[in-house]
Structure formats: C-alpha cells, structure tokens
Amino acid sequence: MLFITGKLKFSDQECQTIFNNLKKNKYETILIPGAPFKNDGSENLLIKRRIKWGIYLIKEGIGEKLYLSGGAIHTAFVEAEIFKAYLIKNNLNPSDLVVDGRAEHSSENILNFLAYISKEGIKKAAIATDAAQAKRMAYYLKIHEIHNIDILPIVEDRLKFQLIDLSTEEIKELKINTFTDLSDKQNIWHRLKGKLGI
C-alpha cells in the first residue's frame, strides 16, 4: 500500500510538476481540508499554509469557490469555521466559501465533497492541501476509482505573501461550548482508517 511502502508525501518537485500540469484548469470548486486549532486558540503553521494556498488559487483564478471541510475534532473549534473566518479576514468573498463543519477524517472530507459536487452538478473540482495529505488523498481517490477530482498539493514558493491574522478575541468567539475530542469517541485504529482512507 502507498502509505506503507511508498513515500509519505509528494516531493517539492512533484508538487511543482502537478501544479504546472493543472494550473491552466479553472475549477468550479476546490476543497480545502481543515486542521485542528490548539486548545489555547493559537493557530499552527499547517493551518496557515492551507489557508494561504486557498487564497492563492482563488486570486489567481484557478478556483471559483472554496469548499471548507472539517469539524471540531481535537480542539473546541470547528475547523471549517476557523478557515472561513481567516479567508474573509483576508478579503475573500463570503459567497465564494462553502462551509462543511461535519467531517472528522480525511475520507469524510472527500465523501462530503463528492456529495456536494454531485448535488450541485459541478464538473471541475479539486482538492488543495499540503504535500503529505495530498499524497494520502490521491491514494484514496485512486483506490476508490474517483476520477472527477484533481489534487493540487501546495507549492511552497507561491505562499510568500503576508496573511492577515485573526485577533485573539476573534478566535475566542469561534470556540464552541460543547466539545468531545475524537480520541474519546473513536479508538486509534478507527481514526487511522479514516485518516488514511482504508
């Protein structure tokens, strides 16, 4: 299997090559999978990189809308809502953002997205994320014979612009009151299967 015997992420060169081959496409909707916020409300670098990649793809005209997917998984913040707040703060139009705060695993990100693009009749769709998750999701698409979604792994040299941060107060306002960590609801094998899509 890819996640056992193959490389765990796309190389920088692979990311660049994939992007060069696909950047002329115009995607109706691009999925940006969420990532957990820390309990103190501080964001991590992975979150910022995925957000900046989404901004880049929209501003370059590669995508028309972003589908933001991710629930409150390991911290008391709905990942999709955090991403939405960041993107609006950075001048993206709220009407260009679709929020799905349900997904608990990478596989659910994809399945929910598939349901959405099918319902909306979307023909050109893609997933945009970091090189490691992109590799896992590409494997999931392959083994499940999903051929109508492209993968756009982050190209690091396209992220060299400043991101406007959310204030501490803005982040606190997004914290939810009722929360149960996924690790308290599912065992490690269940979570691993969801993450790897097996």
N, C-alpha and C. Protein backbone atom coordinates (compact mmCIF):
# COMPACT_ATOMS: atom_id res chain seq x y z
N MET A 1 0.84 -1.19 0.00
CA MET A 1 0.00 0.00 0.00
C MET A 1 0.87 1.24 0.00
N LEU A 2 0.35 2.32 -0.56
CA LEU A 2 1.12 3.55 -0.71
C LEU A 2 1.58 4.10 0.62
N PHE A 3 0.69 4.12 1.62
CA PHE A 3 1.04 4.75 2.88
C PHE A 3 2.02 3.91 3.69
N ILE A 4 2.26 2.67 3.27
CA ILE A 4 3.22 1.81 3.96
C ILE A 4 4.52 1.69 3.17
N THR A 5 4.42 1.47 1.88
CA THR A 5 5.61 1.18 1.10
C THR A 5 6.12 2.38 0.30
N GLY A 6 5.27 3.35 0.06
CA GLY A 6 5.67 4.49 -0.75
C GLY A 6 6.09 5.67 0.09
N LYS A 7 6.45 6.75 -0.59
CA LYS A 7 6.78 7.98 0.10
C LYS A 7 5.54 8.52 0.79
N LEU A 8 5.74 9.18 1.92
CA LEU A 8 4.62 9.65 2.72
C LEU A 8 4.09 11.00 2.24
N LYS A 9 4.78 11.63 1.33
CA LYS A 9 4.33 12.93 0.83
C LYS A 9 4.88 13.16 -0.57
N PHE A 10 4.24 14.05 -1.30
CA PHE A 10 4.80 14.47 -2.58
C PHE A 10 6.05 15.31 -2.33
N SER A 11 7.06 15.11 -3.15
CA SER A 11 8.26 15.95 -3.05
C SER A 11 7.93 17.35 -3.56
N ASP A 12 8.80 18.31 -3.27
CA ASP A 12 8.61 19.68 -3.77
C ASP A 12 8.54 19.69 -5.29
N GLN A 13 9.37 18.87 -5.93
CA GLN A 13 9.38 18.82 -7.39
C GLN A 13 8.08 18.22 -7.92
N GLU A 14 7.59 17.18 -7.25
CA GLU A 14 6.32 16.59 -7.66
C GLU A 14 5.18 17.59 -7.52
N CYS A 15 5.17 18.35 -6.43
CA CYS A 15 4.14 19.37 -6.22
C CYS A 15 4.17 20.39 -7.35
N GLN A 16 5.37 20.82 -7.71
CA GLN A 16 5.51 21.81 -8.78
C GLN A 16 5.05 21.25 -10.12
N THR A 17 5.43 20.01 -10.40
CA THR A 17 5.05 19.38 -11.67
C THR A 17 3.54 19.21 -11.78
N ILE A 18 2.92 18.72 -10.70
CA ILE A 18 1.46 18.55 -10.69
C ILE A 18 0.79 19.89 -10.93
N PHE A 19 1.26 20.92 -10.23
CA PHE A 19 0.65 22.24 -10.37
C PHE A 19 0.83 22.79 -11.78
N ASN A 20 2.01 22.62 -12.35
CA ASN A 20 2.26 23.10 -13.72
C ASN A 20 1.31 22.45 -14.72
N ASN A 21 1.01 21.18 -14.49
CA ASN A 21 0.13 20.45 -15.40
C ASN A 21 -1.35 20.83 -15.25
N LEU A 22 -1.71 21.36 -14.07
CA LEU A 22 -3.13 21.60 -13.78
C LEU A 22 -3.50 23.07 -13.64
N LYS A 23 -2.52 23.97 -13.57
CA LYS A 23 -2.81 25.36 -13.22
C LYS A 23 -3.64 26.09 -14.28
N LYS A 24 -3.69 25.57 -15.50
CA LYS A 24 -4.50 26.22 -16.53
C LYS A 24 -5.97 25.85 -16.43
N ASN A 25 -6.26 24.85 -15.59
CA ASN A 25 -7.66 24.48 -15.38
C ASN A 25 -8.38 25.55 -14.57
N LYS A 26 -9.66 25.65 -14.79
CA LYS A 26 -10.50 26.55 -14.00
C LYS A 26 -11.48 25.69 -13.22
N TYR A 27 -11.25 25.56 -11.92
CA TYR A 27 -12.07 24.68 -11.09
C TYR A 27 -13.27 25.44 -10.52
N GLU A 28 -14.43 24.83 -10.63
CA GLU A 28 -15.63 25.45 -10.08
C GLU A 28 -15.57 25.51 -8.56
N THR A 29 -15.07 24.44 -7.96
CA THR A 29 -14.96 24.39 -6.50
C THR A 29 -13.71 23.60 -6.12
N ILE A 30 -13.02 24.10 -5.09
CA ILE A 30 -11.81 23.45 -4.59
C ILE A 30 -11.99 23.16 -3.10
N LEU A 31 -11.78 21.91 -2.72
CA LEU A 31 -11.85 21.50 -1.32
C LEU A 31 -10.55 21.87 -0.60
N ILE A 32 -10.70 22.57 0.54
CA ILE A 32 -9.58 22.82 1.45
C ILE A 32 -9.88 22.09 2.75
N PRO A 33 -9.21 20.98 3.04
CA PRO A 33 -9.47 20.26 4.29
C PRO A 33 -8.98 21.05 5.49
N GLY A 34 -9.69 20.93 6.60
CA GLY A 34 -9.32 21.64 7.81
C GLY A 34 -8.15 21.01 8.53
N ALA A 35 -7.76 21.66 9.62
CA ALA A 35 -6.71 21.16 10.51
C ALA A 35 -7.01 21.70 11.90
N PRO A 36 -6.66 20.97 12.97
CA PRO A 36 -7.06 21.39 14.32
C PRO A 36 -6.34 22.64 14.82
N PHE A 37 -7.12 23.49 15.51
CA PHE A 37 -6.53 24.57 16.30
C PHE A 37 -6.11 24.01 17.65
N LYS A 38 -5.12 24.63 18.26
CA LYS A 38 -4.74 24.25 19.61
C LYS A 38 -5.79 24.75 20.59
N ASN A 39 -5.84 24.12 21.76
CA ASN A 39 -6.85 24.48 22.74
C ASN A 39 -6.76 25.91 23.24
N ASP A 40 -5.59 26.50 23.18
CA ASP A 40 -5.45 27.89 23.63
C ASP A 40 -5.82 28.88 22.52
N GLY A 41 -6.25 28.36 21.39
CA GLY A 41 -6.69 29.22 20.31
C GLY A 41 -5.59 29.64 19.35
N SER A 42 -4.37 29.21 19.57
CA SER A 42 -3.27 29.59 18.68
C SER A 42 -3.27 28.69 17.45
N GLU A 43 -3.05 29.29 16.28
CA GLU A 43 -3.09 28.52 15.06
C GLU A 43 -1.74 27.85 14.81
N ASN A 44 -1.72 26.81 13.99
CA ASN A 44 -0.44 26.20 13.66
C ASN A 44 -0.05 26.55 12.22
N LEU A 45 1.17 26.24 11.87
CA LEU A 45 1.68 26.60 10.54
C LEU A 45 0.93 25.87 9.43
N LEU A 46 0.50 24.64 9.70
CA LEU A 46 -0.22 23.87 8.69
C LEU A 46 -1.51 24.59 8.29
N ILE A 47 -2.22 25.11 9.28
CA ILE A 47 -3.46 25.84 9.00
C ILE A 47 -3.17 27.03 8.10
N LYS A 48 -2.15 27.80 8.45
CA LYS A 48 -1.83 29.00 7.66
C LYS A 48 -1.44 28.64 6.23
N ARG A 49 -0.72 27.55 6.06
CA ARG A 49 -0.28 27.16 4.72
C ARG A 49 -1.49 26.76 3.86
N ARG A 50 -2.40 26.00 4.42
CA ARG A 50 -3.59 25.60 3.66
C ARG A 50 -4.46 26.81 3.32
N ILE A 51 -4.60 27.72 4.27
CA ILE A 51 -5.39 28.93 4.03
C ILE A 51 -4.75 29.77 2.93
N LYS A 52 -3.44 29.97 3.02
CA LYS A 52 -2.76 30.78 2.00
C LYS A 52 -2.84 30.14 0.62
N TRP A 53 -2.79 28.83 0.58
CA TRP A 53 -2.91 28.12 -0.70
C TRP A 53 -4.29 28.35 -1.31
N GLY A 54 -5.32 28.29 -0.47
CA GLY A 54 -6.67 28.58 -0.95
C GLY A 54 -6.79 30.00 -1.48
N ILE A 55 -6.22 30.96 -0.76
CA ILE A 55 -6.24 32.35 -1.20
C ILE A 55 -5.55 32.50 -2.55
N TYR A 56 -4.38 31.88 -2.67
CA TYR A 56 -3.62 31.97 -3.92
C TYR A 56 -4.43 31.42 -5.09
N LEU A 57 -5.04 30.26 -4.91
CA LEU A 57 -5.77 29.62 -6.00
C LEU A 57 -6.97 30.46 -6.44
N ILE A 58 -7.64 31.10 -5.50
CA ILE A 58 -8.77 31.95 -5.85
C ILE A 58 -8.29 33.22 -6.55
N LYS A 59 -7.29 33.86 -5.99
CA LYS A 59 -6.83 35.14 -6.56
C LYS A 59 -6.16 34.97 -7.92
N GLU A 60 -5.62 33.77 -8.18
CA GLU A 60 -5.03 33.51 -9.49
C GLU A 60 -6.07 33.03 -10.50
N GLY A 61 -7.31 32.90 -10.07
CA GLY A 61 -8.37 32.48 -10.97
C GLY A 61 -8.40 31.00 -11.27
N ILE A 62 -7.67 30.20 -10.47
CA ILE A 62 -7.64 28.75 -10.68
C ILE A 62 -8.90 28.11 -10.10
N GLY A 63 -9.43 28.71 -9.05
CA GLY A 63 -10.67 28.23 -8.45
C GLY A 63 -11.69 29.35 -8.34
N GLU A 64 -12.97 28.98 -8.45
CA GLU A 64 -14.06 29.96 -8.29
C GLU A 64 -14.56 30.00 -6.86
N LYS A 65 -14.67 28.83 -6.23
CA LYS A 65 -15.16 28.74 -4.86
C LYS A 65 -14.28 27.78 -4.07
N LEU A 66 -14.27 27.95 -2.74
CA LEU A 66 -13.58 27.04 -1.85
C LEU A 66 -14.60 26.31 -0.98
N TYR A 67 -14.45 25.00 -0.89
CA TYR A 67 -15.28 24.16 -0.02
C TYR A 67 -14.44 23.85 1.21
N LEU A 68 -14.83 24.38 2.36
CA LEU A 68 -14.06 24.25 3.59
C LEU A 68 -14.65 23.13 4.43
N SER A 69 -13.84 22.14 4.73
CA SER A 69 -14.36 20.93 5.37
C SER A 69 -13.58 20.59 6.63
N GLY A 70 -14.30 20.39 7.72
CA GLY A 70 -13.66 19.95 8.96
C GLY A 70 -14.47 20.36 10.18
N GLY A 71 -14.71 19.42 11.08
CA GLY A 71 -15.46 19.69 12.29
C GLY A 71 -14.55 20.04 13.45
N ALA A 72 -15.12 20.01 14.66
CA ALA A 72 -14.33 20.19 15.88
C ALA A 72 -13.82 18.81 16.28
N ILE A 73 -12.58 18.52 15.92
CA ILE A 73 -12.07 17.14 16.03
C ILE A 73 -11.25 16.93 17.30
N HIS A 74 -10.18 17.70 17.43
CA HIS A 74 -9.30 17.53 18.58
C HIS A 74 -9.24 18.77 19.47
N THR A 75 -9.87 19.84 19.05
CA THR A 75 -9.99 21.05 19.87
C THR A 75 -11.39 21.63 19.69
N ALA A 76 -11.74 22.57 20.54
CA ALA A 76 -13.11 23.10 20.56
C ALA A 76 -13.32 24.20 19.53
N PHE A 77 -12.83 23.98 18.34
CA PHE A 77 -13.02 24.90 17.22
C PHE A 77 -13.43 24.10 15.99
N VAL A 78 -14.50 24.52 15.33
CA VAL A 78 -14.89 23.88 14.08
C VAL A 78 -13.90 24.35 13.00
N GLU A 79 -13.15 23.41 12.47
CA GLU A 79 -12.05 23.76 11.57
C GLU A 79 -12.53 24.58 10.37
N ALA A 80 -13.65 24.19 9.78
CA ALA A 80 -14.15 24.90 8.60
C ALA A 80 -14.52 26.34 8.93
N GLU A 81 -15.02 26.58 10.13
CA GLU A 81 -15.39 27.94 10.54
C GLU A 81 -14.16 28.80 10.79
N ILE A 82 -13.11 28.20 11.35
CA ILE A 82 -11.85 28.92 11.53
C ILE A 82 -11.29 29.33 10.17
N PHE A 83 -11.29 28.39 9.23
CA PHE A 83 -10.77 28.69 7.90
C PHE A 83 -11.60 29.80 7.24
N LYS A 84 -12.93 29.71 7.37
CA LYS A 84 -13.79 30.74 6.79
C LYS A 84 -13.46 32.11 7.35
N ALA A 85 -13.30 32.20 8.67
CA ALA A 85 -13.00 33.48 9.31
C ALA A 85 -11.68 34.06 8.79
N TYR A 86 -10.69 33.20 8.66
CA TYR A 86 -9.39 33.64 8.13
C TYR A 86 -9.53 34.15 6.69
N LEU A 87 -10.25 33.42 5.87
CA LEU A 87 -10.36 33.77 4.45
C LEU A 87 -11.12 35.08 4.26
N ILE A 88 -12.17 35.28 5.04
CA ILE A 88 -12.90 36.54 4.96
C ILE A 88 -12.03 37.69 5.45
N LYS A 89 -11.28 37.45 6.52
CA LYS A 89 -10.35 38.47 7.04
C LYS A 89 -9.34 38.87 5.98
N ASN A 90 -9.01 37.93 5.09
CA ASN A 90 -8.05 38.18 4.02
C ASN A 90 -8.74 38.51 2.70
N ASN A 91 -9.94 39.06 2.82
CA ASN A 91 -10.65 39.70 1.69
C ASN A 91 -11.22 38.75 0.65
N LEU A 92 -11.45 37.50 1.01
CA LEU A 92 -12.21 36.64 0.11
C LEU A 92 -13.70 36.89 0.32
N ASN A 93 -14.45 36.74 -0.73
CA ASN A 93 -15.89 36.98 -0.68
C ASN A 93 -16.59 35.83 0.03
N PRO A 94 -17.38 36.11 1.06
CA PRO A 94 -18.08 35.02 1.76
C PRO A 94 -18.94 34.17 0.83
N SER A 95 -19.44 34.75 -0.23
CA SER A 95 -20.29 33.99 -1.17
C SER A 95 -19.47 32.97 -1.97
N ASP A 96 -18.14 33.07 -1.91
CA ASP A 96 -17.27 32.12 -2.61
C ASP A 96 -16.81 31.00 -1.69
N LEU A 97 -17.36 30.93 -0.48
CA LEU A 97 -16.94 29.94 0.52
C LEU A 97 -18.11 29.05 0.90
N VAL A 98 -17.90 27.74 0.81
CA VAL A 98 -18.90 26.76 1.23
C VAL A 98 -18.36 26.09 2.49
N VAL A 99 -19.12 26.11 3.57
CA VAL A 99 -18.64 25.60 4.86
C VAL A 99 -19.32 24.28 5.21
N ASP A 100 -18.50 23.27 5.47
CA ASP A 100 -18.97 21.95 5.91
C ASP A 100 -18.25 21.60 7.21
N GLY A 101 -18.93 21.76 8.31
CA GLY A 101 -18.31 21.53 9.62
C GLY A 101 -18.57 20.15 10.18
N ARG A 102 -18.76 19.14 9.32
CA ARG A 102 -19.12 17.80 9.79
C ARG A 102 -17.97 16.81 9.77
N ALA A 103 -17.06 16.92 8.83
CA ALA A 103 -16.07 15.86 8.59
C ALA A 103 -15.14 15.65 9.79
N GLU A 104 -14.89 14.38 10.10
CA GLU A 104 -13.98 14.02 11.20
C GLU A 104 -12.69 13.38 10.70
N HIS A 105 -12.67 12.99 9.42
CA HIS A 105 -11.50 12.32 8.85
C HIS A 105 -11.27 12.82 7.42
N SER A 106 -10.09 12.55 6.90
CA SER A 106 -9.78 12.90 5.51
C SER A 106 -10.75 12.23 4.54
N SER A 107 -11.09 10.97 4.83
CA SER A 107 -12.02 10.27 3.94
C SER A 107 -13.39 10.94 3.93
N GLU A 108 -13.82 11.46 5.07
CA GLU A 108 -15.10 12.16 5.13
C GLU A 108 -15.03 13.50 4.41
N ASN A 109 -13.89 14.17 4.47
CA ASN A 109 -13.70 15.38 3.67
C ASN A 109 -14.03 15.10 2.20
N ILE A 110 -13.49 14.00 1.71
CA ILE A 110 -13.68 13.64 0.30
C ILE A 110 -15.11 13.23 0.02
N LEU A 111 -15.67 12.36 0.86
CA LEU A 111 -17.02 11.85 0.61
C LEU A 111 -18.06 12.97 0.68
N ASN A 112 -17.92 13.87 1.65
CA ASN A 112 -18.84 15.01 1.74
C ASN A 112 -18.70 15.92 0.52
N PHE A 113 -17.48 16.10 0.08
CA PHE A 113 -17.22 16.94 -1.09
C PHE A 113 -17.81 16.30 -2.35
N LEU A 114 -17.64 15.00 -2.47
CA LEU A 114 -18.23 14.28 -3.61
C LEU A 114 -19.75 14.46 -3.65
N ALA A 115 -20.37 14.35 -2.48
CA ALA A 115 -21.82 14.51 -2.42
C ALA A 115 -22.22 15.93 -2.84
N TYR A 116 -21.43 16.90 -2.41
CA TYR A 116 -21.72 18.30 -2.74
C TYR A 116 -21.60 18.57 -4.24
N ILE A 117 -20.50 18.14 -4.84
CA ILE A 117 -20.31 18.45 -6.27
C ILE A 117 -21.31 17.69 -7.13
N SER A 118 -21.73 16.50 -6.67
CA SER A 118 -22.75 15.75 -7.39
C SER A 118 -24.09 16.48 -7.33
N LYS A 119 -24.44 16.94 -6.13
CA LYS A 119 -25.71 17.65 -5.95
C LYS A 119 -25.74 18.94 -6.76
N GLU A 120 -24.60 19.65 -6.81
CA GLU A 120 -24.54 20.95 -7.48
C GLU A 120 -24.24 20.83 -8.98
N GLY A 121 -23.98 19.62 -9.46
CA GLY A 121 -23.68 19.43 -10.86
C GLY A 121 -22.33 19.99 -11.28
N ILE A 122 -21.39 19.99 -10.36
CA ILE A 122 -20.06 20.55 -10.62
C ILE A 122 -19.21 19.55 -11.40
N LYS A 123 -18.60 20.00 -12.47
CA LYS A 123 -17.81 19.12 -13.34
C LYS A 123 -16.31 19.23 -13.09
N LYS A 124 -15.84 20.41 -12.69
CA LYS A 124 -14.41 20.63 -12.47
C LYS A 124 -14.17 20.91 -11.00
N ALA A 125 -13.56 19.94 -10.31
CA ALA A 125 -13.33 20.06 -8.87
C ALA A 125 -11.93 19.58 -8.53
N ALA A 126 -11.41 20.07 -7.41
CA ALA A 126 -10.06 19.68 -6.99
C ALA A 126 -9.97 19.73 -5.47
N ILE A 127 -8.92 19.11 -4.96
CA ILE A 127 -8.57 19.17 -3.54
C ILE A 127 -7.22 19.87 -3.44
N ALA A 128 -7.13 20.88 -2.57
CA ALA A 128 -5.88 21.62 -2.39
C ALA A 128 -5.44 21.51 -0.94
N THR A 129 -4.25 20.94 -0.73
CA THR A 129 -3.77 20.74 0.63
C THR A 129 -2.26 20.53 0.61
N ASP A 130 -1.69 20.27 1.79
CA ASP A 130 -0.25 20.08 1.89
C ASP A 130 0.19 18.77 1.25
N ALA A 131 1.48 18.65 1.03
CA ALA A 131 2.03 17.53 0.26
C ALA A 131 1.75 16.17 0.89
N ALA A 132 1.74 16.10 2.22
CA ALA A 132 1.51 14.81 2.88
C ALA A 132 0.05 14.38 2.75
N GLN A 133 -0.87 15.28 3.09
CA GLN A 133 -2.28 14.92 2.97
C GLN A 133 -2.68 14.73 1.52
N ALA A 134 -2.09 15.51 0.62
CA ALA A 134 -2.39 15.36 -0.80
C ALA A 134 -2.03 13.96 -1.29
N LYS A 135 -0.91 13.45 -0.79
CA LYS A 135 -0.49 12.09 -1.17
C LYS A 135 -1.50 11.05 -0.70
N ARG A 136 -1.95 11.19 0.55
CA ARG A 136 -2.93 10.24 1.09
C ARG A 136 -4.25 10.33 0.34
N MET A 137 -4.66 11.57 0.05
CA MET A 137 -5.94 11.74 -0.63
C MET A 137 -5.87 11.26 -2.08
N ALA A 138 -4.74 11.45 -2.73
CA ALA A 138 -4.56 10.94 -4.08
C ALA A 138 -4.68 9.41 -4.09
N TYR A 139 -4.14 8.78 -3.08
CA TYR A 139 -4.25 7.33 -2.95
C TYR A 139 -5.71 6.91 -2.76
N TYR A 140 -6.43 7.64 -1.91
CA TYR A 140 -7.85 7.35 -1.67
C TYR A 140 -8.64 7.46 -2.97
N LEU A 141 -8.41 8.54 -3.71
CA LEU A 141 -9.12 8.72 -4.98
C LEU A 141 -8.81 7.59 -5.95
N LYS A 142 -7.56 7.14 -5.94
CA LYS A 142 -7.16 6.08 -6.86
C LYS A 142 -7.81 4.75 -6.51
N ILE A 143 -7.74 4.34 -5.25
CA ILE A 143 -8.25 3.01 -4.90
C ILE A 143 -9.77 2.95 -4.96
N HIS A 144 -10.41 4.11 -4.83
CA HIS A 144 -11.87 4.14 -4.92
C HIS A 144 -12.35 4.58 -6.31
N GLU A 145 -11.41 4.68 -7.24
CA GLU A 145 -11.70 4.99 -8.64
C GLU A 145 -12.55 6.25 -8.79
N ILE A 146 -12.13 7.29 -8.08
CA ILE A 146 -12.77 8.60 -8.18
C ILE A 146 -11.95 9.43 -9.15
N HIS A 147 -12.50 9.70 -10.31
CA HIS A 147 -11.72 10.30 -11.39
C HIS A 147 -12.11 11.76 -11.70
N ASN A 148 -13.10 12.29 -10.98
CA ASN A 148 -13.57 13.63 -11.31
C ASN A 148 -13.06 14.70 -10.34
N ILE A 149 -12.04 14.37 -9.57
CA ILE A 149 -11.43 15.33 -8.65
C ILE A 149 -9.91 15.31 -8.84
N ASP A 150 -9.32 16.47 -9.06
CA ASP A 150 -7.86 16.59 -9.17
C ASP A 150 -7.26 16.92 -7.81
N ILE A 151 -5.96 16.69 -7.69
CA ILE A 151 -5.22 17.02 -6.48
C ILE A 151 -4.26 18.17 -6.77
N LEU A 152 -4.29 19.20 -5.92
CA LEU A 152 -3.40 20.36 -6.07
C LEU A 152 -2.57 20.51 -4.79
N PRO A 153 -1.45 19.79 -4.69
CA PRO A 153 -0.61 19.93 -3.49
C PRO A 153 0.04 21.31 -3.43
N ILE A 154 0.25 21.80 -2.23
CA ILE A 154 0.82 23.13 -2.04
C ILE A 154 2.18 23.25 -2.70
N VAL A 155 2.36 24.35 -3.43
CA VAL A 155 3.67 24.73 -3.97
C VAL A 155 4.20 25.84 -3.07
N GLU A 156 5.22 25.53 -2.31
CA GLU A 156 5.64 26.41 -1.22
C GLU A 156 6.03 27.82 -1.68
N ASP A 157 6.65 27.94 -2.85
CA ASP A 157 7.10 29.28 -3.25
C ASP A 157 5.96 30.19 -3.69
N ARG A 158 4.73 29.67 -3.73
CA ARG A 158 3.57 30.50 -4.03
C ARG A 158 2.94 31.08 -2.75
N LEU A 159 3.50 30.76 -1.61
CA LEU A 159 2.92 31.20 -0.34
C LEU A 159 3.69 32.36 0.28
N LYS A 160 4.50 33.03 -0.51
CA LYS A 160 5.36 34.10 0.02
C LYS A 160 4.63 35.44 0.06
N PHE A 161 3.51 35.45 0.75
CA PHE A 161 2.78 36.70 0.98
C PHE A 161 2.27 36.69 2.40
N GLN A 162 1.98 37.88 2.91
CA GLN A 162 1.58 38.02 4.30
C GLN A 162 0.11 37.66 4.50
N LEU A 163 -0.15 36.88 5.53
CA LEU A 163 -1.52 36.52 5.88
C LEU A 163 -1.98 37.44 7.00
N ILE A 164 -3.17 38.00 6.86
CA ILE A 164 -3.74 38.82 7.93
C ILE A 164 -4.29 37.88 9.00
N ASP A 165 -3.79 38.02 10.21
CA ASP A 165 -4.18 37.11 11.29
C ASP A 165 -5.51 37.50 11.92
N LEU A 166 -6.19 36.52 12.46
CA LEU A 166 -7.33 36.78 13.32
C LEU A 166 -6.81 37.26 14.67
N SER A 167 -7.56 38.14 15.30
CA SER A 167 -7.18 38.58 16.64
C SER A 167 -7.50 37.49 17.65
N THR A 168 -6.91 37.59 18.83
CA THR A 168 -7.20 36.64 19.90
C THR A 168 -8.68 36.62 20.22
N GLU A 169 -9.30 37.79 20.23
CA GLU A 169 -10.73 37.88 20.52
C GLU A 169 -11.57 37.23 19.43
N GLU A 170 -11.19 37.42 18.18
CA GLU A 170 -11.93 36.80 17.07
C GLU A 170 -11.86 35.29 17.17
N ILE A 171 -10.71 34.77 17.54
CA ILE A 171 -10.56 33.33 17.68
C ILE A 171 -11.40 32.81 18.85
N LYS A 172 -11.38 33.53 19.96
CA LYS A 172 -12.15 33.10 21.14
C LYS A 172 -13.64 33.03 20.83
N GLU A 173 -14.12 33.95 20.00
CA GLU A 173 -15.54 33.96 19.63
C GLU A 173 -15.94 32.72 18.83
N LEU A 174 -14.96 32.06 18.21
CA LEU A 174 -15.25 30.88 17.40
C LEU A 174 -15.19 29.58 18.20
N LYS A 175 -14.79 29.67 19.45
CA LYS A 175 -14.70 28.48 20.29
C LYS A 175 -16.10 28.01 20.66
N ILE A 176 -16.34 26.71 20.52
CA ILE A 176 -17.67 26.17 20.81
C ILE A 176 -17.74 25.71 22.27
N ASN A 177 -18.94 25.67 22.81
CA ASN A 177 -19.11 25.34 24.23
C ASN A 177 -19.12 23.85 24.50
N THR A 178 -19.74 23.09 23.60
CA THR A 178 -19.84 21.65 23.78
C THR A 178 -18.89 20.94 22.84
N PHE A 179 -17.96 20.18 23.41
CA PHE A 179 -16.93 19.55 22.58
C PHE A 179 -16.46 18.26 23.23
N THR A 180 -16.31 17.21 22.40
CA THR A 180 -15.70 15.95 22.82
C THR A 180 -14.60 15.59 21.84
N ASP A 181 -13.38 15.42 22.34
CA ASP A 181 -12.26 15.07 21.48
C ASP A 181 -12.54 13.75 20.77
N LEU A 182 -12.18 13.70 19.47
CA LEU A 182 -12.43 12.49 18.68
C LEU A 182 -11.76 11.26 19.29
N SER A 183 -10.61 11.45 19.94
CA SER A 183 -9.90 10.32 20.55
C SER A 183 -10.68 9.72 21.72
N ASP A 184 -11.65 10.47 22.24
CA ASP A 184 -12.50 9.94 23.30
C ASP A 184 -13.74 9.23 22.74
N LYS A 185 -13.96 9.39 21.44
CA LYS A 185 -15.13 8.78 20.79
C LYS A 185 -14.75 7.59 19.93
N GLN A 186 -13.52 7.58 19.40
CA GLN A 186 -13.10 6.51 18.49
C GLN A 186 -11.72 6.01 18.88
N ASN A 187 -11.48 4.72 18.71
CA ASN A 187 -10.17 4.18 19.02
C ASN A 187 -9.16 4.56 17.94
N ILE A 188 -7.91 4.32 18.22
CA ILE A 188 -6.84 4.78 17.31
C ILE A 188 -6.93 4.12 15.94
N TRP A 189 -7.37 2.85 15.89
CA TRP A 189 -7.46 2.16 14.60
C TRP A 189 -8.56 2.77 13.74
N HIS A 190 -9.68 3.08 14.35
CA HIS A 190 -10.79 3.73 13.63
C HIS A 190 -10.34 5.07 13.07
N ARG A 191 -9.63 5.84 13.90
CA ARG A 191 -9.16 7.16 13.46
C ARG A 191 -8.14 7.02 12.34
N LEU A 192 -7.25 6.03 12.45
CA LEU A 192 -6.22 5.83 11.43
C LEU A 192 -6.86 5.44 10.10
N LYS A 193 -7.87 4.57 10.16
CA LYS A 193 -8.54 4.18 8.92
C LYS A 193 -9.21 5.38 8.26
N GLY A 194 -9.80 6.23 9.06
CA GLY A 194 -10.43 7.42 8.50
C GLY A 194 -9.43 8.39 7.90
N LYS A 195 -8.29 8.50 8.56
CA LYS A 195 -7.25 9.42 8.07
C LYS A 195 -6.63 8.92 6.77
N LEU A 196 -6.40 7.59 6.70
CA LEU A 196 -5.74 7.02 5.53
C LEU A 196 -6.71 6.61 4.44
N GLY A 197 -8.00 6.57 4.79
CA GLY A 197 -8.99 6.20 3.79
C GLY A 197 -8.97 4.72 3.44
N ILE A 198 -8.79 3.89 4.46
CA ILE A 198 -8.72 2.43 4.21
C ILE A 198 -9.91 1.74 4.87
